[in-house]
Amino acid sequence: MEAAVELHTTIGPARTTDLAIAAKAGVNRRTFYRHFPDELSLWRACTSHGLERWPPPDPERWRAIHDPEQRLRVALAELYAYYREVGTGLAVIARDFPLLPPELHAVPSRMDVLRAMPGALLEGWAARGRKREVLSAAIVHATAITTWQSLVERQGLTEAEAVALLHAMVLAAARAG
């Protein structure tokens, strides 16, 4: 499983073959198939392992912070620290996800947890109608791994600078028109 996780997070699950996993693990294909008889069993094992080894931040903890501005700041700081740890590999998996067989899409994953996070951050804001839609879009953008990649990895902002910038963006969206 470690070999599969390493390949999934470097070259991507869509480009990872059974033969490559077996070779990386130092076993033959027969041994590999004894542990993982099909792609779904491998995917479930890797997903479970990833959630256990690198658990994403818990949005339920954030819900205990009643002030939505403070909740957002705490959440972004925790989320960006998480992305620092697993972001590069997670981005590779997210890139390949649409290319994977449909039966793998049904397995609960870290991506599902991450996609649910903006909902916890949208709670408590006094925004309705179109204003709420704009606020939601700002929160989704702020929490996206691609936003972290752009600001921190590509443009060299510190996590604190990225969090401050995105916090300000979301506040502007909350106060807009």
N, C-alpha and C. Protein backbone atom coordinates (compact mmCIF):
# COMPACT_ATOMS: atom_id res chain seq x y z
N MET A 1 0.82 -1.19 0.00
CA MET A 1 0.00 0.00 0.00
C MET A 1 0.87 1.26 0.00
N GLU A 2 1.97 1.24 0.76
CA GLU A 2 2.87 2.39 0.77
C GLU A 2 3.38 2.71 -0.64
N ALA A 3 3.69 1.67 -1.39
CA ALA A 3 4.17 1.88 -2.76
C ALA A 3 3.09 2.51 -3.61
N ALA A 4 1.86 2.04 -3.46
CA ALA A 4 0.74 2.60 -4.23
C ALA A 4 0.51 4.06 -3.86
N VAL A 5 0.52 4.36 -2.57
CA VAL A 5 0.31 5.74 -2.13
C VAL A 5 1.40 6.65 -2.68
N GLU A 6 2.64 6.18 -2.63
CA GLU A 6 3.73 7.00 -3.16
C GLU A 6 3.55 7.28 -4.65
N LEU A 7 3.18 6.26 -5.41
CA LEU A 7 2.96 6.46 -6.85
C LEU A 7 1.73 7.32 -7.11
N HIS A 8 0.65 7.10 -6.36
CA HIS A 8 -0.56 7.90 -6.54
C HIS A 8 -0.29 9.38 -6.30
N THR A 9 0.58 9.68 -5.33
CA THR A 9 0.82 11.08 -4.97
C THR A 9 1.97 11.72 -5.74
N THR A 10 2.63 10.96 -6.58
CA THR A 10 3.71 11.55 -7.39
C THR A 10 3.35 11.56 -8.87
N ILE A 11 3.06 10.39 -9.43
CA ILE A 11 2.72 10.37 -10.86
C ILE A 11 1.21 10.39 -11.07
N GLY A 12 0.45 10.07 -10.02
CA GLY A 12 -1.00 10.11 -10.09
C GLY A 12 -1.61 8.72 -10.24
N PRO A 13 -2.81 8.55 -9.69
CA PRO A 13 -3.46 7.24 -9.75
C PRO A 13 -3.82 6.81 -11.18
N ALA A 14 -4.08 7.75 -12.05
CA ALA A 14 -4.44 7.39 -13.43
C ALA A 14 -3.25 6.84 -14.20
N ARG A 15 -2.05 7.17 -13.75
CA ARG A 15 -0.84 6.73 -14.45
C ARG A 15 -0.12 5.59 -13.71
N THR A 16 -0.66 5.20 -12.56
CA THR A 16 -0.05 4.14 -11.76
C THR A 16 -0.59 2.79 -12.21
N THR A 17 0.32 1.88 -12.51
CA THR A 17 -0.09 0.53 -12.92
C THR A 17 0.17 -0.46 -11.80
N ASP A 18 -0.53 -1.59 -11.88
CA ASP A 18 -0.32 -2.66 -10.91
C ASP A 18 1.13 -3.13 -10.94
N LEU A 19 1.67 -3.23 -12.12
CA LEU A 19 3.05 -3.67 -12.28
C LEU A 19 4.02 -2.69 -11.61
N ALA A 20 3.77 -1.40 -11.77
CA ALA A 20 4.64 -0.40 -11.15
C ALA A 20 4.56 -0.47 -9.62
N ILE A 21 3.35 -0.68 -9.09
CA ILE A 21 3.20 -0.80 -7.64
C ILE A 21 3.96 -2.02 -7.14
N ALA A 22 3.77 -3.15 -7.81
CA ALA A 22 4.46 -4.38 -7.40
C ALA A 22 5.98 -4.19 -7.44
N ALA A 23 6.47 -3.58 -8.50
CA ALA A 23 7.92 -3.35 -8.62
C ALA A 23 8.42 -2.44 -7.51
N LYS A 24 7.69 -1.36 -7.24
CA LYS A 24 8.09 -0.41 -6.19
C LYS A 24 8.08 -1.08 -4.82
N ALA A 25 7.13 -1.99 -4.62
CA ALA A 25 7.02 -2.69 -3.33
C ALA A 25 7.99 -3.86 -3.22
N GLY A 26 8.61 -4.22 -4.34
CA GLY A 26 9.55 -5.34 -4.33
C GLY A 26 8.87 -6.70 -4.25
N VAL A 27 7.67 -6.78 -4.83
CA VAL A 27 6.94 -8.05 -4.85
C VAL A 27 6.56 -8.37 -6.29
N ASN A 28 6.14 -9.60 -6.52
CA ASN A 28 5.68 -9.94 -7.86
C ASN A 28 4.18 -9.62 -7.98
N ARG A 29 3.67 -9.71 -9.19
CA ARG A 29 2.26 -9.37 -9.44
C ARG A 29 1.32 -10.30 -8.68
N ARG A 30 1.70 -11.55 -8.57
CA ARG A 30 0.85 -12.51 -7.86
C ARG A 30 0.65 -12.08 -6.41
N THR A 31 1.73 -11.68 -5.77
CA THR A 31 1.65 -11.21 -4.38
C THR A 31 0.79 -9.95 -4.30
N PHE A 32 1.01 -9.04 -5.25
CA PHE A 32 0.20 -7.82 -5.29
C PHE A 32 -1.29 -8.16 -5.37
N TYR A 33 -1.67 -9.07 -6.28
CA TYR A 33 -3.08 -9.41 -6.46
C TYR A 33 -3.65 -10.19 -5.29
N ARG A 34 -2.80 -10.87 -4.52
CA ARG A 34 -3.28 -11.53 -3.31
C ARG A 34 -3.77 -10.49 -2.30
N HIS A 35 -3.09 -9.37 -2.23
CA HIS A 35 -3.47 -8.29 -1.31
C HIS A 35 -4.59 -7.41 -1.88
N PHE A 36 -4.51 -7.18 -3.17
CA PHE A 36 -5.47 -6.28 -3.82
C PHE A 36 -5.99 -6.94 -5.09
N PRO A 37 -7.07 -7.71 -4.98
CA PRO A 37 -7.56 -8.47 -6.14
C PRO A 37 -8.13 -7.60 -7.27
N ASP A 38 -8.48 -6.36 -6.96
CA ASP A 38 -9.02 -5.47 -8.00
C ASP A 38 -8.69 -4.02 -7.64
N GLU A 39 -8.96 -3.15 -8.59
CA GLU A 39 -8.63 -1.73 -8.42
C GLU A 39 -9.40 -1.09 -7.27
N LEU A 40 -10.64 -1.51 -7.08
CA LEU A 40 -11.46 -0.95 -6.02
C LEU A 40 -10.89 -1.27 -4.64
N SER A 41 -10.43 -2.50 -4.44
CA SER A 41 -9.85 -2.86 -3.13
C SER A 41 -8.57 -2.06 -2.86
N LEU A 42 -7.77 -1.85 -3.88
CA LEU A 42 -6.56 -1.04 -3.74
C LEU A 42 -6.93 0.40 -3.40
N TRP A 43 -7.89 0.96 -4.13
CA TRP A 43 -8.30 2.35 -3.92
C TRP A 43 -8.85 2.54 -2.51
N ARG A 44 -9.69 1.61 -2.06
CA ARG A 44 -10.25 1.70 -0.70
C ARG A 44 -9.14 1.66 0.34
N ALA A 45 -8.20 0.76 0.17
CA ALA A 45 -7.09 0.63 1.13
C ALA A 45 -6.25 1.91 1.15
N CYS A 46 -5.93 2.43 -0.01
CA CYS A 46 -5.11 3.65 -0.08
C CYS A 46 -5.86 4.85 0.50
N THR A 47 -7.14 4.96 0.20
CA THR A 47 -7.94 6.06 0.71
C THR A 47 -8.05 5.99 2.23
N SER A 48 -8.32 4.83 2.75
CA SER A 48 -8.42 4.64 4.19
C SER A 48 -7.08 4.96 4.86
N HIS A 49 -6.00 4.47 4.27
CA HIS A 49 -4.66 4.73 4.79
C HIS A 49 -4.36 6.23 4.79
N GLY A 50 -4.70 6.91 3.71
CA GLY A 50 -4.45 8.34 3.61
C GLY A 50 -5.23 9.14 4.65
N LEU A 51 -6.49 8.78 4.86
CA LEU A 51 -7.31 9.48 5.86
C LEU A 51 -6.77 9.24 7.27
N GLU A 52 -6.28 8.04 7.50
CA GLU A 52 -5.73 7.70 8.81
C GLU A 52 -4.39 8.39 9.06
N ARG A 53 -3.53 8.34 8.08
CA ARG A 53 -2.17 8.88 8.24
C ARG A 53 -2.12 10.40 8.17
N TRP A 54 -2.95 10.97 7.30
CA TRP A 54 -2.97 12.42 7.11
C TRP A 54 -4.41 12.92 7.23
N PRO A 55 -4.97 12.91 8.42
CA PRO A 55 -6.38 13.34 8.54
C PRO A 55 -6.52 14.84 8.26
N PRO A 56 -7.52 15.19 7.47
CA PRO A 56 -7.74 16.62 7.20
C PRO A 56 -8.28 17.31 8.45
N PRO A 57 -8.22 18.63 8.48
CA PRO A 57 -8.80 19.36 9.61
C PRO A 57 -10.27 19.00 9.78
N ASP A 58 -10.74 19.11 11.00
CA ASP A 58 -12.12 18.74 11.32
C ASP A 58 -13.02 19.97 11.30
N PRO A 59 -13.91 20.08 10.31
CA PRO A 59 -14.78 21.25 10.25
C PRO A 59 -15.76 21.33 11.43
N GLU A 60 -16.01 20.22 12.10
CA GLU A 60 -16.90 20.27 13.27
C GLU A 60 -16.27 21.10 14.39
N ARG A 61 -14.96 21.05 14.50
CA ARG A 61 -14.25 21.89 15.48
C ARG A 61 -14.44 23.36 15.16
N TRP A 62 -14.43 23.67 13.86
CA TRP A 62 -14.60 25.06 13.45
C TRP A 62 -15.99 25.57 13.80
N ARG A 63 -16.98 24.70 13.71
CA ARG A 63 -18.36 25.12 13.99
C ARG A 63 -18.51 25.61 15.43
N ALA A 64 -17.63 25.19 16.33
CA ALA A 64 -17.68 25.65 17.72
C ALA A 64 -17.25 27.11 17.85
N ILE A 65 -16.62 27.65 16.82
CA ILE A 65 -16.23 29.07 16.81
C ILE A 65 -17.40 29.85 16.24
N HIS A 66 -18.08 30.61 17.07
CA HIS A 66 -19.33 31.25 16.66
C HIS A 66 -19.14 32.43 15.71
N ASP A 67 -18.07 33.17 15.87
CA ASP A 67 -17.80 34.32 14.99
C ASP A 67 -17.31 33.80 13.63
N PRO A 68 -18.08 34.01 12.55
CA PRO A 68 -17.68 33.45 11.26
C PRO A 68 -16.34 33.99 10.74
N GLU A 69 -15.99 35.23 11.07
CA GLU A 69 -14.70 35.78 10.63
C GLU A 69 -13.54 35.06 11.32
N GLN A 70 -13.67 34.84 12.62
CA GLN A 70 -12.63 34.12 13.37
C GLN A 70 -12.58 32.66 12.92
N ARG A 71 -13.75 32.05 12.70
CA ARG A 71 -13.81 30.67 12.23
C ARG A 71 -13.07 30.54 10.90
N LEU A 72 -13.28 31.49 10.01
CA LEU A 72 -12.61 31.48 8.71
C LEU A 72 -11.10 31.56 8.87
N ARG A 73 -10.63 32.46 9.71
CA ARG A 73 -9.18 32.65 9.90
C ARG A 73 -8.55 31.36 10.45
N VAL A 74 -9.18 30.77 11.46
CA VAL A 74 -8.66 29.53 12.05
C VAL A 74 -8.68 28.40 11.02
N ALA A 75 -9.79 28.30 10.30
CA ALA A 75 -9.93 27.23 9.30
C ALA A 75 -8.88 27.35 8.20
N LEU A 76 -8.70 28.54 7.67
CA LEU A 76 -7.72 28.72 6.61
C LEU A 76 -6.30 28.40 7.09
N ALA A 77 -5.98 28.82 8.30
CA ALA A 77 -4.64 28.53 8.84
C ALA A 77 -4.44 27.02 8.99
N GLU A 78 -5.45 26.32 9.51
CA GLU A 78 -5.34 24.87 9.67
C GLU A 78 -5.31 24.17 8.31
N LEU A 79 -6.13 24.63 7.41
CA LEU A 79 -6.21 24.00 6.09
C LEU A 79 -4.91 24.21 5.32
N TYR A 80 -4.33 25.39 5.40
CA TYR A 80 -3.09 25.64 4.68
C TYR A 80 -1.91 24.89 5.30
N ALA A 81 -1.92 24.70 6.61
CA ALA A 81 -0.90 23.86 7.25
C ALA A 81 -1.05 22.41 6.77
N TYR A 82 -2.29 21.97 6.62
CA TYR A 82 -2.56 20.63 6.09
C TYR A 82 -2.08 20.51 4.65
N TYR A 83 -2.37 21.51 3.84
CA TYR A 83 -1.90 21.49 2.45
C TYR A 83 -0.37 21.48 2.38
N ARG A 84 0.29 22.17 3.30
CA ARG A 84 1.75 22.14 3.32
C ARG A 84 2.24 20.70 3.49
N GLU A 85 1.55 19.93 4.30
CA GLU A 85 1.95 18.55 4.57
C GLU A 85 1.61 17.61 3.42
N VAL A 86 0.41 17.74 2.85
CA VAL A 86 -0.05 16.75 1.86
C VAL A 86 -0.49 17.36 0.53
N GLY A 87 -0.39 18.65 0.41
CA GLY A 87 -0.96 19.35 -0.74
C GLY A 87 -0.47 18.92 -2.09
N THR A 88 0.83 18.73 -2.23
CA THR A 88 1.37 18.38 -3.54
C THR A 88 0.81 17.05 -4.02
N GLY A 89 0.84 16.04 -3.15
CA GLY A 89 0.29 14.73 -3.52
C GLY A 89 -1.20 14.75 -3.71
N LEU A 90 -1.89 15.50 -2.87
CA LEU A 90 -3.35 15.61 -2.97
C LEU A 90 -3.75 16.28 -4.28
N ALA A 91 -2.98 17.26 -4.70
CA ALA A 91 -3.27 17.94 -5.97
C ALA A 91 -3.10 16.99 -7.15
N VAL A 92 -2.13 16.10 -7.08
CA VAL A 92 -1.93 15.11 -8.14
C VAL A 92 -3.13 14.17 -8.20
N ILE A 93 -3.58 13.71 -7.04
CA ILE A 93 -4.74 12.82 -6.99
C ILE A 93 -5.99 13.55 -7.51
N ALA A 94 -6.18 14.79 -7.07
CA ALA A 94 -7.34 15.57 -7.53
C ALA A 94 -7.29 15.78 -9.04
N ARG A 95 -6.10 16.00 -9.58
CA ARG A 95 -5.94 16.18 -11.03
C ARG A 95 -6.41 14.94 -11.78
N ASP A 96 -6.06 13.76 -11.25
CA ASP A 96 -6.37 12.51 -11.93
C ASP A 96 -7.77 11.99 -11.65
N PHE A 97 -8.42 12.48 -10.61
CA PHE A 97 -9.69 11.92 -10.18
C PHE A 97 -10.73 11.78 -11.30
N PRO A 98 -10.90 12.79 -12.15
CA PRO A 98 -11.89 12.64 -13.24
C PRO A 98 -11.55 11.53 -14.23
N LEU A 99 -10.30 11.10 -14.26
CA LEU A 99 -9.87 10.07 -15.20
C LEU A 99 -10.06 8.65 -14.66
N LEU A 100 -10.42 8.54 -13.39
CA LEU A 100 -10.55 7.23 -12.75
C LEU A 100 -11.89 6.60 -13.06
N PRO A 101 -11.97 5.27 -12.99
CA PRO A 101 -13.23 4.57 -13.23
C PRO A 101 -14.32 5.05 -12.26
N PRO A 102 -15.57 5.11 -12.71
CA PRO A 102 -16.67 5.63 -11.88
C PRO A 102 -16.83 4.92 -10.53
N GLU A 103 -16.54 3.62 -10.47
CA GLU A 103 -16.72 2.91 -9.19
C GLU A 103 -15.78 3.42 -8.10
N LEU A 104 -14.68 4.04 -8.50
CA LEU A 104 -13.76 4.60 -7.51
C LEU A 104 -14.26 5.93 -6.96
N HIS A 105 -15.10 6.60 -7.71
CA HIS A 105 -15.63 7.90 -7.28
C HIS A 105 -16.54 7.76 -6.07
N ALA A 106 -17.12 6.58 -5.88
CA ALA A 106 -18.07 6.37 -4.78
C ALA A 106 -17.38 6.14 -3.43
N VAL A 107 -16.07 5.89 -3.43
CA VAL A 107 -15.34 5.64 -2.19
C VAL A 107 -15.12 6.97 -1.47
N PRO A 108 -15.61 7.11 -0.22
CA PRO A 108 -15.38 8.36 0.52
C PRO A 108 -13.87 8.64 0.64
N SER A 109 -13.50 9.89 0.36
CA SER A 109 -12.08 10.24 0.32
C SER A 109 -11.81 11.57 1.01
N ARG A 110 -10.54 11.91 1.08
CA ARG A 110 -10.17 13.22 1.63
C ARG A 110 -10.76 14.34 0.80
N MET A 111 -10.89 14.12 -0.48
CA MET A 111 -11.45 15.16 -1.34
C MET A 111 -12.90 15.44 -0.94
N ASP A 112 -13.65 14.41 -0.56
CA ASP A 112 -15.02 14.61 -0.10
C ASP A 112 -15.05 15.46 1.17
N VAL A 113 -14.14 15.16 2.09
CA VAL A 113 -14.05 15.93 3.33
C VAL A 113 -13.71 17.38 3.01
N LEU A 114 -12.75 17.59 2.12
CA LEU A 114 -12.33 18.95 1.77
C LEU A 114 -13.44 19.71 1.06
N ARG A 115 -14.20 19.02 0.20
CA ARG A 115 -15.31 19.68 -0.50
C ARG A 115 -16.43 20.10 0.44
N ALA A 116 -16.55 19.41 1.58
CA ALA A 116 -17.60 19.74 2.55
C ALA A 116 -17.22 20.91 3.46
N MET A 117 -15.95 21.25 3.51
CA MET A 117 -15.48 22.29 4.44
C MET A 117 -16.09 23.67 4.20
N PRO A 118 -16.24 24.13 2.96
CA PRO A 118 -16.82 25.47 2.79
C PRO A 118 -18.20 25.62 3.42
N GLY A 119 -18.97 24.54 3.47
CA GLY A 119 -20.29 24.62 4.10
C GLY A 119 -20.20 25.03 5.57
N ALA A 120 -19.22 24.49 6.28
CA ALA A 120 -19.03 24.86 7.69
C ALA A 120 -18.60 26.32 7.81
N LEU A 121 -17.89 26.80 6.83
CA LEU A 121 -17.40 28.19 6.89
C LEU A 121 -18.44 29.20 6.43
N LEU A 122 -19.44 28.75 5.72
CA LEU A 122 -20.50 29.65 5.24
C LEU A 122 -21.53 29.93 6.34
N GLU A 123 -21.57 29.07 7.33
CA GLU A 123 -22.55 29.23 8.42
C GLU A 123 -22.27 30.50 9.21
N GLY A 124 -23.33 31.17 9.61
CA GLY A 124 -23.21 32.31 10.50
C GLY A 124 -23.07 33.67 9.85
N TRP A 125 -22.88 33.70 8.54
CA TRP A 125 -22.78 34.99 7.85
C TRP A 125 -24.18 35.52 7.57
N ALA A 126 -24.36 36.81 7.69
CA ALA A 126 -25.65 37.43 7.44
C ALA A 126 -25.75 37.83 5.97
N ALA A 127 -25.72 36.86 5.11
CA ALA A 127 -25.79 37.12 3.66
C ALA A 127 -26.90 36.26 3.07
N ARG A 128 -27.67 36.86 2.21
CA ARG A 128 -28.79 36.16 1.57
C ARG A 128 -28.74 36.38 0.06
N GLY A 129 -29.43 35.50 -0.66
CA GLY A 129 -29.56 35.65 -2.10
C GLY A 129 -28.23 35.66 -2.83
N ARG A 130 -28.10 36.59 -3.76
CA ARG A 130 -26.90 36.68 -4.59
C ARG A 130 -25.66 36.96 -3.74
N LYS A 131 -25.81 37.77 -2.71
CA LYS A 131 -24.69 38.09 -1.83
C LYS A 131 -24.14 36.80 -1.19
N ARG A 132 -25.02 35.89 -0.82
CA ARG A 132 -24.59 34.61 -0.24
C ARG A 132 -23.89 33.76 -1.29
N GLU A 133 -24.35 33.80 -2.52
CA GLU A 133 -23.70 33.06 -3.60
C GLU A 133 -22.27 33.56 -3.83
N VAL A 134 -22.11 34.88 -3.81
CA VAL A 134 -20.78 35.47 -3.98
C VAL A 134 -19.89 35.09 -2.80
N LEU A 135 -20.42 35.18 -1.59
CA LEU A 135 -19.68 34.80 -0.40
C LEU A 135 -19.28 33.32 -0.47
N SER A 136 -20.19 32.47 -0.88
CA SER A 136 -19.90 31.05 -1.01
C SER A 136 -18.78 30.81 -2.02
N ALA A 137 -18.83 31.50 -3.14
CA ALA A 137 -17.79 31.36 -4.16
C ALA A 137 -16.42 31.79 -3.60
N ALA A 138 -16.40 32.86 -2.83
CA ALA A 138 -15.15 33.33 -2.23
C ALA A 138 -14.59 32.30 -1.24
N ILE A 139 -15.46 31.69 -0.45
CA ILE A 139 -15.03 30.68 0.53
C ILE A 139 -14.53 29.44 -0.19
N VAL A 140 -15.25 28.99 -1.20
CA VAL A 140 -14.81 27.82 -1.97
C VAL A 140 -13.45 28.08 -2.59
N HIS A 141 -13.27 29.26 -3.15
CA HIS A 141 -11.98 29.62 -3.75
C HIS A 141 -10.87 29.66 -2.70
N ALA A 142 -11.15 30.26 -1.56
CA ALA A 142 -10.14 30.39 -0.51
C ALA A 142 -9.70 29.04 0.03
N THR A 143 -10.60 28.06 0.07
CA THR A 143 -10.27 26.76 0.63
C THR A 143 -9.74 25.76 -0.40
N ALA A 144 -9.73 26.12 -1.66
CA ALA A 144 -9.30 25.19 -2.71
C ALA A 144 -7.80 24.96 -2.68
N ILE A 145 -7.44 23.73 -2.90
CA ILE A 145 -6.01 23.38 -2.93
C ILE A 145 -5.29 24.14 -4.05
N THR A 146 -5.99 24.40 -5.14
CA THR A 146 -5.37 25.12 -6.25
C THR A 146 -5.06 26.57 -5.87
N THR A 147 -5.86 27.15 -4.99
CA THR A 147 -5.57 28.50 -4.51
C THR A 147 -4.32 28.49 -3.64
N TRP A 148 -4.22 27.50 -2.75
CA TRP A 148 -3.01 27.35 -1.94
C TRP A 148 -1.79 27.17 -2.84
N GLN A 149 -1.91 26.30 -3.85
CA GLN A 149 -0.78 26.09 -4.77
C GLN A 149 -0.35 27.39 -5.44
N SER A 150 -1.34 28.13 -5.93
CA SER A 150 -1.03 29.37 -6.63
C SER A 150 -0.32 30.38 -5.73
N LEU A 151 -0.89 30.61 -4.56
CA LEU A 151 -0.35 31.66 -3.70
C LEU A 151 0.93 31.26 -2.98
N VAL A 152 0.96 30.04 -2.46
CA VAL A 152 2.09 29.62 -1.62
C VAL A 152 3.19 28.97 -2.45
N GLU A 153 2.84 27.98 -3.24
CA GLU A 153 3.87 27.26 -3.99
C GLU A 153 4.40 28.05 -5.19
N ARG A 154 3.50 28.64 -5.96
CA ARG A 154 3.95 29.30 -7.20
C ARG A 154 4.38 30.74 -6.99
N GLN A 155 3.66 31.48 -6.16
CA GLN A 155 3.95 32.90 -6.02
C GLN A 155 4.77 33.24 -4.78
N GLY A 156 5.03 32.24 -3.94
CA GLY A 156 5.94 32.42 -2.82
C GLY A 156 5.41 33.15 -1.61
N LEU A 157 4.10 33.30 -1.49
CA LEU A 157 3.57 33.91 -0.27
C LEU A 157 3.76 32.93 0.89
N THR A 158 3.91 33.47 2.07
CA THR A 158 3.91 32.60 3.25
C THR A 158 2.46 32.17 3.49
N GLU A 159 2.29 31.14 4.27
CA GLU A 159 0.93 30.72 4.58
C GLU A 159 0.18 31.83 5.30
N ALA A 160 0.85 32.53 6.21
CA ALA A 160 0.20 33.63 6.94
C ALA A 160 -0.24 34.73 5.98
N GLU A 161 0.59 35.05 4.99
CA GLU A 161 0.21 36.07 4.01
C GLU A 161 -0.97 35.60 3.16
N ALA A 162 -0.95 34.35 2.74
CA ALA A 162 -2.05 33.81 1.94
C ALA A 162 -3.35 33.80 2.75
N VAL A 163 -3.27 33.38 4.01
CA VAL A 163 -4.46 33.37 4.87
C VAL A 163 -5.00 34.79 5.04
N ALA A 164 -4.13 35.75 5.30
CA ALA A 164 -4.57 37.14 5.48
C ALA A 164 -5.23 37.68 4.21
N LEU A 165 -4.62 37.40 3.06
CA LEU A 165 -5.16 37.85 1.79
C LEU A 165 -6.55 37.26 1.52
N LEU A 166 -6.67 35.96 1.72
CA LEU A 166 -7.94 35.29 1.44
C LEU A 166 -9.00 35.63 2.48
N HIS A 167 -8.59 35.83 3.71
CA HIS A 167 -9.52 36.26 4.74
C HIS A 167 -10.11 37.62 4.35
N ALA A 168 -9.25 38.52 3.90
CA ALA A 168 -9.71 39.84 3.45
C ALA A 168 -10.64 39.73 2.25
N MET A 169 -10.32 38.81 1.32
CA MET A 169 -11.17 38.62 0.15
C MET A 169 -12.56 38.15 0.55
N VAL A 170 -12.61 37.19 1.45
CA VAL A 170 -13.92 36.68 1.89
C VAL A 170 -14.68 37.76 2.64
N LEU A 171 -14.01 38.53 3.48
CA LEU A 171 -14.69 39.62 4.19
C LEU A 171 -15.24 40.65 3.20
N ALA A 172 -14.48 40.95 2.16
CA ALA A 172 -14.96 41.88 1.14
C ALA A 172 -16.20 41.30 0.44
N ALA A 173 -16.19 40.01 0.18
CA ALA A 173 -17.35 39.38 -0.45
C ALA A 173 -18.56 39.44 0.48
N ALA A 174 -18.32 39.25 1.77
CA ALA A 174 -19.42 39.29 2.75
C ALA A 174 -20.02 40.68 2.88
N ARG A 175 -19.19 41.68 2.67
CA ARG A 175 -19.66 43.07 2.83
C ARG A 175 -20.11 43.72 1.54
N ALA A 176 -19.85 43.05 0.43
CA ALA A 176 -20.20 43.62 -0.88
C ALA A 176 -21.71 43.72 -1.04
N GLY A 177 -22.10 44.75 -1.76
CA GLY A 177 -23.39 45.10 -2.17
C GLY A 177 -24.58 44.43 -1.85
